[in-house]
PDB file of N, CA and C in Angstrom:
ATOM      1  N   MET A   1      56.023 -63.850 -48.000  1.00  0.00           N
ATOM      2  CA  MET A   1      55.820 -62.652 -47.156  1.00  0.00           C
ATOM      3  C   MET A   1      57.445 -62.913 -46.361  1.00  0.00           C
ATOM      4  N   ILE A   2      57.941 -63.696 -45.865  1.00  0.00           N
ATOM      5  CA  ILE A   2      59.133 -64.038 -45.397  1.00  0.00           C
ATOM      6  C   ILE A   2      60.409 -63.788 -46.247  1.00  0.00           C
ATOM      7  N   VAL A   3      60.410 -63.914 -47.465  1.00  0.00           N
ATOM      8  CA  VAL A   3      61.306 -63.903 -48.407  1.00  0.00           C
ATOM      9  C   VAL A   3      61.420 -62.284 -48.614  1.00  0.00           C
ATOM     10  N   VAL A   4      60.485 -61.527 -48.785  1.00  0.00           N
ATOM     11  CA  VAL A   4      60.403 -60.305 -49.136  1.00  0.00           C
ATOM     12  C   VAL A   4      61.084 -59.605 -47.611  1.00  0.00           C
ATOM     13  N   ILE A   5      60.628 -59.815 -46.411  1.00  0.00           N
ATOM     14  CA  ILE A   5      61.294 -59.210 -45.158  1.00  0.00           C
ATOM     15  C   ILE A   5      62.847 -59.437 -45.198  1.00  0.00           C
ATOM     16  N   GLY A   6      63.194 -60.932 -45.589  1.00  0.00           N
ATOM     17  CA  GLY A   6      64.711 -61.109 -45.793  1.00  0.00           C
ATOM     18  C   GLY A   6      65.242 -60.183 -46.757  1.00  0.00           C
ATOM     19  N   LEU A   7      64.990 -60.013 -47.867  1.00  0.00           N
ATOM     20  CA  LEU A   7      65.528 -59.300 -48.712  1.00  0.00           C
ATOM     21  C   LEU A   7      65.559 -57.716 -48.372  1.00  0.00           C
ATOM     22  N   VAL A   8      64.671 -57.288 -47.548  1.00  0.00           N
ATOM     23  CA  VAL A   8      64.633 -55.750 -47.141  1.00  0.00           C
ATOM     24  C   VAL A   8      65.876 -55.711 -45.889  1.00  0.00           C
ATOM     25  N   VAL A   9      65.888 -56.846 -45.243  1.00  0.00           N
ATOM     26  CA  VAL A   9      66.827 -56.721 -44.105  1.00  0.00           C
ATOM     27  C   VAL A   9      68.293 -57.125 -44.801  1.00  0.00           C
ATOM     28  N   ALA A  10      68.496 -57.676 -45.671  1.00  0.00           N
ATOM     29  CA  ALA A  10      69.741 -57.964 -46.417  1.00  0.00           C
ATOM     30  C   ALA A  10      70.193 -56.645 -47.161  1.00  0.00           C
ATOM     31  N   PHE A  11      69.328 -55.865 -47.641  1.00  0.00           N
ATOM     32  CA  PHE A  11      69.886 -54.546 -48.144  1.00  0.00           C
ATOM     33  C   PHE A  11      70.103 -53.736 -47.249  1.00  0.00           C
ATOM     34  N   ILE A  12      69.444 -53.654 -46.058  1.00  0.00           N
ATOM     35  CA  ILE A  12      69.700 -52.786 -45.049  1.00  0.00           C
ATOM     36  C   ILE A  12      71.194 -53.236 -44.573  1.00  0.00           C
ATOM     37  N   LEU A  13      71.461 -54.388 -44.288  1.00  0.00           N
ATOM     38  CA  LEU A  13      72.575 -54.841 -43.815  1.00  0.00           C
ATOM     39  C   LEU A  13      73.699 -54.485 -44.535  1.00  0.00           C
ATOM     40  N   ILE A  14      73.698 -54.763 -46.040  1.00  0.00           N
ATOM     41  CA  ILE A  14      74.610 -54.221 -46.906  1.00  0.00           C
ATOM     42  C   ILE A  14      74.962 -52.544 -46.895  1.00  0.00           C
ATOM     43  N   ALA A  15      73.914 -51.987 -46.778  1.00  0.00           N
ATOM     44  CA  ALA A  15      74.058 -50.512 -46.834  1.00  0.00           C
ATOM     45  C   ALA A  15      74.660 -49.856 -45.455  1.00  0.00           C
ATOM     46  N   VAL A  16      74.351 -50.639 -44.306  1.00  0.00           N
ATOM     47  CA  VAL A  16      75.037 -50.340 -43.100  1.00  0.00           C
ATOM     48  C   VAL A  16      76.714 -50.776 -42.930  1.00  0.00           C
ATOM     49  N   PHE A  17      76.843 -52.047 -43.560  1.00  0.00           N
ATOM     50  CA  PHE A  17      78.252 -52.371 -43.401  1.00  0.00           C
ATOM     51  C   PHE A  17      79.127 -52.359 -44.524  1.00  0.00           C
ATOM     52  N   SER A  18      78.682 -51.361 -45.636  1.00  0.00           N
ATOM     53  CA  SER A  18      79.566 -51.503 -46.852  1.00  0.00           C
ATOM     54  C   SER A  18      80.459 -50.183 -46.470  1.00  0.00           C
ATOM     55  N   ASN A  19      81.579 -50.350 -47.154  1.00  0.00           N
ATOM     56  CA  ASN A  19      82.685 -49.342 -46.855  1.00  0.00           C
ATOM     57  C   ASN A  19      82.397 -48.353 -47.908  1.00  0.00           C
ATOM     58  N   ARG A  20      81.936 -47.073 -47.238  1.00  0.00           N
ATOM     59  CA  ARG A  20      81.242 -46.034 -48.399  1.00  0.00           C
ATOM     60  C   ARG A  20      82.706 -44.995 -48.821  1.00  0.00           C
ATOM     61  N   ARG A  21      83.812 -45.266 -48.286  1.00  0.00           N
ATOM     62  CA  ARG A  21      84.968 -44.479 -48.773  1.00  0.00           C
ATOM     63  C   ARG A  21      85.457 -45.279 -50.327  1.00  0.00           C
ATOM     64  N   THR A  22      85.057 -46.323 -50.404  1.00  0.00           N
ATOM     65  CA  THR A  22      85.549 -46.862 -51.560  1.00  0.00           C
ATOM     66  C   THR A  22      84.337 -47.597 -52.557  1.00  0.00           C
ATOM     67  N   ARG A  23      83.243 -47.009 -52.272  1.00  0.00           N
ATOM     68  CA  ARG A  23      82.002 -47.506 -52.895  1.00  0.00           C
ATOM     69  C   ARG A  23      82.125 -47.349 -54.284  1.00  0.00           C
ATOM     70  N   THR A  24      82.701 -46.190 -54.817  1.00  0.00           N
ATOM     71  CA  THR A  24      82.595 -46.123 -56.415  1.00  0.00           C
ATOM     72  C   THR A  24      83.953 -46.786 -56.899  1.00  0.00           C
ATOM     73  N   CYS A  25      84.866 -47.141 -55.969  1.00  0.00           N
ATOM     74  CA  CYS A  25      86.148 -47.674 -56.699  1.00  0.00           C
ATOM     75  C   CYS A  25      85.932 -49.018 -57.437  1.00  0.00           C
ATOM     76  N   ARG A  26      86.580 -49.147 -58.493  1.00  0.00           N
ATOM     77  CA  ARG A  26      86.718 -50.439 -59.322  1.00  0.00           C
ATOM     78  C   ARG A  26      88.120 -50.591 -59.484  1.00  0.00           C
ATOM     79  N   TRP A  27      88.751 -51.288 -58.736  1.00  0.00           N
ATOM     80  CA  TRP A  27      90.184 -51.589 -58.835  1.00  0.00           C
ATOM     81  C   TRP A  27      90.516 -52.815 -59.859  1.00  0.00           C
ATOM     82  N   ARG A  28      91.439 -52.573 -60.686  1.00  0.00           N
ATOM     83  CA  ARG A  28      92.013 -53.661 -61.545  1.00  0.00           C
ATOM     84  C   ARG A  28      93.376 -53.957 -61.209  1.00  0.00           C
ATOM     85  N   GLU A  29      93.728 -55.233 -61.208  1.00  0.00           N
ATOM     86  CA  GLU A  29      95.062 -55.527 -60.967  1.00  0.00           C
ATOM     87  C   GLU A  29      95.884 -55.856 -61.827  1.00  0.00           C
ATOM     88  N   TYR A  30      97.108 -55.255 -61.945  1.00  0.00           N
ATOM     89  CA  TYR A  30      98.151 -55.584 -62.797  1.00  0.00           C
ATOM     90  C   TYR A  30      99.469 -56.221 -62.165  1.00  0.00           C
ATOM     91  N   PRO A  31      99.345 -57.564 -62.048  1.00  0.00           N
ATOM     92  CA  PRO A  31     100.356 -58.345 -61.080  1.00  0.00           C
ATOM     93  C   PRO A  31     101.903 -58.044 -61.580  1.00  0.00           C
ATOM     94  N   ASP A  32     102.666 -58.046 -60.664  1.00  0.00           N
ATOM     95  CA  ASP A  32     104.133 -57.786 -60.781  1.00  0.00           C
ATOM     96  C   ASP A  32     104.761 -58.917 -60.259  1.00  0.00           C
ATOM     97  N   SER A  33     105.903 -58.926 -59.692  1.00  0.00           N
ATOM     98  CA  SER A  33     106.391 -60.111 -58.839  1.00  0.00           C
ATOM     99  C   SER A  33     105.849 -60.374 -57.380  1.00  0.00           C
ATOM    100  N   ASP A  34     106.270 -59.486 -56.327  1.00  0.00           N
ATOM    101  CA  ASP A  34     105.358 -59.752 -55.130  1.00  0.00           C
ATOM    102  C   ASP A  34     104.362 -58.929 -54.796  1.00  0.00           C
ATOM    103  N   GLU A  35     104.200 -57.732 -55.319  1.00  0.00           N
ATOM    104  CA  GLU A  35     103.423 -56.616 -55.339  1.00  0.00           C
ATOM    105  C   GLU A  35     102.587 -56.485 -56.566  1.00  0.00           C
ATOM    106  N   SER A  36     101.433 -56.011 -56.581  1.00  0.00           N
ATOM    107  CA  SER A  36     100.806 -55.920 -57.843  1.00  0.00           C
ATOM    108  C   SER A  36     100.515 -54.146 -57.877  1.00  0.00           C
ATOM    109  N   ARG A  37     100.167 -53.821 -59.212  1.00  0.00           N
ATOM    110  CA  ARG A  37      99.808 -52.323 -59.200  1.00  0.00           C
ATOM    111  C   ARG A  37      98.300 -52.342 -59.517  1.00  0.00           C
ATOM    112  N   TRP A  38      97.769 -51.487 -58.573  1.00  0.00           N
ATOM    113  CA  TRP A  38      96.269 -51.487 -58.701  1.00  0.00           C
ATOM    114  C   TRP A  38      95.836 -50.057 -59.283  1.00  0.00           C
ATOM    115  N   VAL A  39      94.886 -50.168 -60.391  1.00  0.00           N
ATOM    116  CA  VAL A  39      94.520 -48.892 -60.975  1.00  0.00           C
ATOM    117  C   VAL A  39      92.782 -48.988 -60.806  1.00  0.00           C
ATOM    118  N   CYS A  40      92.286 -47.793 -60.385  1.00  0.00           N
ATOM    119  CA  CYS A  40      90.881 -47.602 -60.159  1.00  0.00           C
ATOM    120  C   CYS A  40      90.274 -47.302 -61.477  1.00  0.00           C
ATOM    121  N   VAL A  41      89.391 -47.835 -62.055  1.00  0.00           N
ATOM    122  CA  VAL A  41      88.833 -47.636 -63.275  1.00  0.00           C
ATOM    123  C   VAL A  41      87.945 -46.484 -63.313  1.00  0.00           C
ATOM    124  N   PHE A  42      87.265 -46.014 -62.206  1.00  0.00           N
ATOM    125  CA  PHE A  42      86.473 -45.080 -61.916  1.00  0.00           C
ATOM    126  C   PHE A  42      87.230 -43.704 -61.837  1.00  0.00           C
ATOM    127  N   CYS A  43      88.293 -43.627 -61.175  1.00  0.00           N
ATOM    128  CA  CYS A  43      88.717 -42.190 -60.909  1.00  0.00           C
ATOM    129  C   CYS A  43      90.089 -42.282 -61.446  1.00  0.00           C
ATOM    130  N   GLY A  44      90.823 -43.290 -61.824  1.00  0.00           N
ATOM    131  CA  GLY A  44      92.169 -43.257 -62.319  1.00  0.00           C
ATOM    132  C   GLY A  44      93.343 -43.306 -61.301  1.00  0.00           C
ATOM    133  N   ALA A  45      92.919 -43.508 -60.007  1.00  0.00           N
ATOM    134  CA  ALA A  45      94.003 -43.246 -58.858  1.00  0.00           C
ATOM    135  C   ALA A  45      94.854 -44.766 -59.116  1.00  0.00           C
ATOM    136  N   GLU A  46      96.089 -44.776 -58.913  1.00  0.00           N
ATOM    137  CA  GLU A  46      97.056 -45.905 -58.897  1.00  0.00           C
ATOM    138  C   GLU A  46      97.801 -46.068 -57.708  1.00  0.00           C
ATOM    139  N   THR A  47      98.022 -47.369 -57.220  1.00  0.00           N
ATOM    140  CA  THR A  47      98.591 -47.727 -55.960  1.00  0.00           C
ATOM    141  C   THR A  47      99.336 -49.147 -56.262  1.00  0.00           C
ATOM    142  N   SER A  48     100.234 -49.540 -55.213  1.00  0.00           N
ATOM    143  CA  SER A  48     100.483 -50.830 -55.258  1.00  0.00           C
ATOM    144  C   SER A  48     100.259 -51.461 -53.865  1.00  0.00           C
ATOM    145  N   ALA A  49      99.912 -52.709 -53.957  1.00  0.00           N
ATOM    146  CA  ALA A  49      99.461 -53.536 -52.679  1.00  0.00           C
ATOM    147  C   ALA A  49      99.776 -55.167 -52.941  1.00  0.00           C
ATOM    148  N   PRO A  50      99.686 -55.793 -51.913  1.00  0.00           N
ATOM    149  CA  PRO A  50      99.952 -57.265 -52.109  1.00  0.00           C
ATOM    150  C   PRO A  50      99.136 -57.936 -53.210  1.00  0.00           C
ATOM    151  N   ARG A  51      99.484 -59.004 -53.926  1.00  0.00           N
ATOM    152  CA  ARG A  51      98.793 -59.675 -54.946  1.00  0.00           C
ATOM    153  C   ARG A  51      97.308 -60.045 -54.345  1.00  0.00           C
ATOM    154  N   GLY A  52      96.376 -59.828 -55.150  1.00  0.00           N
ATOM    155  CA  GLY A  52      95.053 -60.491 -54.723  1.00  0.00           C
ATOM    156  C   GLY A  52      94.385 -59.779 -53.455  1.00  0.00           C
ATOM    157  N   LYS A  53      94.826 -58.580 -53.298  1.00  0.00           N
ATOM    158  CA  LYS A  53      94.209 -57.795 -52.056  1.00  0.00           C
ATOM    159  C   LYS A  53      94.172 -56.458 -52.360  1.00  0.00           C
ATOM    160  N   PRO A  54      93.053 -56.062 -52.980  1.00  0.00           N
ATOM    161  CA  PRO A  54      92.681 -54.620 -53.553  1.00  0.00           C
ATOM    162  C   PRO A  54      92.885 -53.765 -52.435  1.00  0.00           C
ATOM    163  N   PRO A  55      93.121 -52.368 -52.326  1.00  0.00           N
ATOM    164  CA  PRO A  55      93.171 -51.233 -51.617  1.00  0.00           C
ATOM    165  C   PRO A  55      91.824 -51.326 -50.869  1.00  0.00           C
ATOM    166  N   ARG A  56      91.692 -50.909 -49.677  1.00  0.00           N
ATOM    167  CA  ARG A  56      90.371 -50.713 -48.837  1.00  0.00           C
ATOM    168  C   ARG A  56      90.276 -49.482 -48.494  1.00  0.00           C
ATOM    169  N   ILE A  57      90.998 -48.466 -49.110  1.00  0.00           N
ATOM    170  CA  ILE A  57      90.676 -46.919 -49.193  1.00  0.00           C
ATOM    171  C   ILE A  57      90.602 -46.355 -50.426  1.00  0.00           C
ATOM    172  N   CYS A  58      90.148 -45.151 -50.682  1.00  0.00           N
ATOM    173  CA  CYS A  58      89.946 -44.605 -51.954  1.00  0.00           C
ATOM    174  C   CYS A  58      91.254 -43.466 -52.056  1.00  0.00           C
ATOM    175  N   PHE A  59      91.925 -43.672 -53.154  1.00  0.00           N
ATOM    176  CA  PHE A  59      93.013 -42.823 -53.521  1.00  0.00           C
ATOM    177  C   PHE A  59      92.663 -41.616 -54.448  1.00  0.00           C
ATOM    178  N   ARG A  60      91.447 -41.370 -54.651  1.00  0.00           N
ATOM    179  CA  ARG A  60      91.080 -40.492 -55.654  1.00  0.00           C
ATOM    180  C   ARG A  60      91.618 -39.018 -55.219  1.00  0.00           C
ATOM    181  N   PRO A  61      92.240 -38.544 -56.055  1.00  0.00           N
ATOM    182  CA  PRO A  61      92.763 -37.195 -55.852  1.00  0.00           C
ATOM    183  C   PRO A  61      91.767 -36.102 -55.628  1.00  0.00           C
ATOM    184  N   GLU A  62      92.036 -35.131 -54.750  1.00  0.00           N
ATOM    185  CA  GLU A  62      91.054 -34.265 -54.410  1.00  0.00           C
ATOM    186  C   GLU A  62      91.065 -33.048 -55.590  1.00  0.00           C
ATOM    187  N   LYS A  63      89.741 -32.670 -55.779  1.00  0.00           N
ATOM    188  CA  LYS A  63      89.706 -31.649 -56.716  1.00  0.00           C
ATOM    189  C   LYS A  63      89.745 -30.244 -56.326  1.00  0.00           C
TER     190      LYS A  63
END
């Protein structure tokens, strides 16, 4: 019973603290020299950011 309660609490915490703006983003890194090119597989948005650090906001073009 305690395991079930723990799982419910874990899912609630994930739902509360997850970043809703990038929930559907799936970033793929294409490394260059100091910065990498990041492409979202879900919407096709592209940006550059430091290596190993995916963008924390969504760059999805507005329709």
